[in-house]
Each structure stands twice: as C-alpha cells, then as structure tokens.
Amino acid sequence: MKQRSLFDVISPIMTGPSSSHTAGAVRLGMLVRNIYAGRVRNVVFKLYNSYASAGKGHGSDKALLAGLLGCKVDSPDIKNIFNLPASQDIKYSFEFEQNLDRHPNAVDFILEGERNMIVSGNSVGAGNVEITKIDDFAVKISGEYNAIILFYKDKPGMISKVSTFIQNENINIASLECDRNAKGKIASMCICVDGQIPQSIINNIQNIDDVYFVRNIKKLED
C-alpha cells in the first residue's frame, strides 16, 4: 500500500477554498510555466467537468492564471490576479466543457508566444497534480521530482545518449518514459531524477543531433 504523506492528509497551505480546484490549479500553472519557459502572449484555459462546473466558484480560473504567472499556492495575489499588472501583459480566456473521457479536474493550456504549445494536466486531489500531455505526446510529470523533457527524432541510441549524460553526473534516474507519433518521426522522452539537474546536462542534450526541444522541469516548491 502506498504511504500517505502529511501533505495528502492536511492538504497544502494555500489561498483558496479547495485543494483540488485552487491549490492544484496553481501548481498546474507553475508546472506549465516551467515547461513553456518563455513569454506567453496568449493563453486559453480549457477546463473540463468538475473544473468547468465548480472551478470558477472555487477560484480555479484565478489560480490557473496565477500559477502560470509565477505565484505560489499561498500567494495573497491569487484572489486579485485579474487586476494585477502582471496579468495585463498577457491575453487570457477561459472555456468550459463537459467530457466524460477526461479527468474530473482536467485542464488544457493552449499557449501562444515564442512557440505554440498545448499542455494538458489534471488536479488529482489534495493539491497533487499531473501533467499528462505536451502537444501530441503523453508524459507523466507530477512536480515531485526534478525532470528533463525532450523532443527528438526517433532513432536508435537516443535513450542511451541521454541517460549516459545523467549517469556521468552520478544522478539516479527515478523514471523514464518515451512516446512517439510513428517510427522515425518526432518522439518525446520524460526523465525524472533524484537530485538536482546541472545545466551541463541540459547543454549536452541540446547538442545531440536531432534534438528539437529540451526543458529542465524543476521540482515544485510550495
């Protein structure tokens, strides 16, 4: 049986009435901010199911935007985020949909800026979250670990090259997941690790031929 942490029992210290609809929404926004790692000009938040029906009353709309703009779950700015200067520099809108194929607390971040990207995630309870998809690729990012995400051309040897850079720094790999559209096309790799990820690893991965996108996703700190 999986042990429950104190975080699971009492939920995070937060601004807002609901750990799933408020704290979870902030944490999803924080992760997407790390994944995008650039200036977002326009974002559409597409909320599903419980997020769509009850989220607005629980401040999920404010929380999603606040997390994307860099607020933490206990920030007093969340309640007034729509009126703060930071929110004036980005265009944002919200859509609401019921879809039984999606998690009860699911959201898509449809981002435009230095690049266009769609990031999907779920708030799974007690403030815990998971990023499940980046563009067309399945991923699994909870914010519990430091992680590396990369998109690359699917070909033999890529996993070995990337993992060697990590092992050479004596860093333990907690999990490694890959996805691809088709053989020889664009693929994704998501690696969660124990410990910090030095910039040298990111630089080395960026220098591998046919690597198109690399991000160092830092563990969430509330």
Foldseek 3Di string as FASTA:
>chain_A
DDDDDPLQVPFDQAPWDFLFLALLLLVVLLQVLQQVVDDFAEKEKEWEAQCQPCNVVGLSVLNNVCSVLPDHRHDPCSVVVCPDPSVVRHHYYYHYYYDPVDDNTKIWIFTDDPHTKIWIKGRDHSSWIWTQDIHHAGDTDTLQFWKKKWKFFADPPLVVQLVVLCVVVVKAWPDKDKADPDHRGIIMIMTGTPDDDDVVSVVSNVPDPGIDDMGTRHRDDD
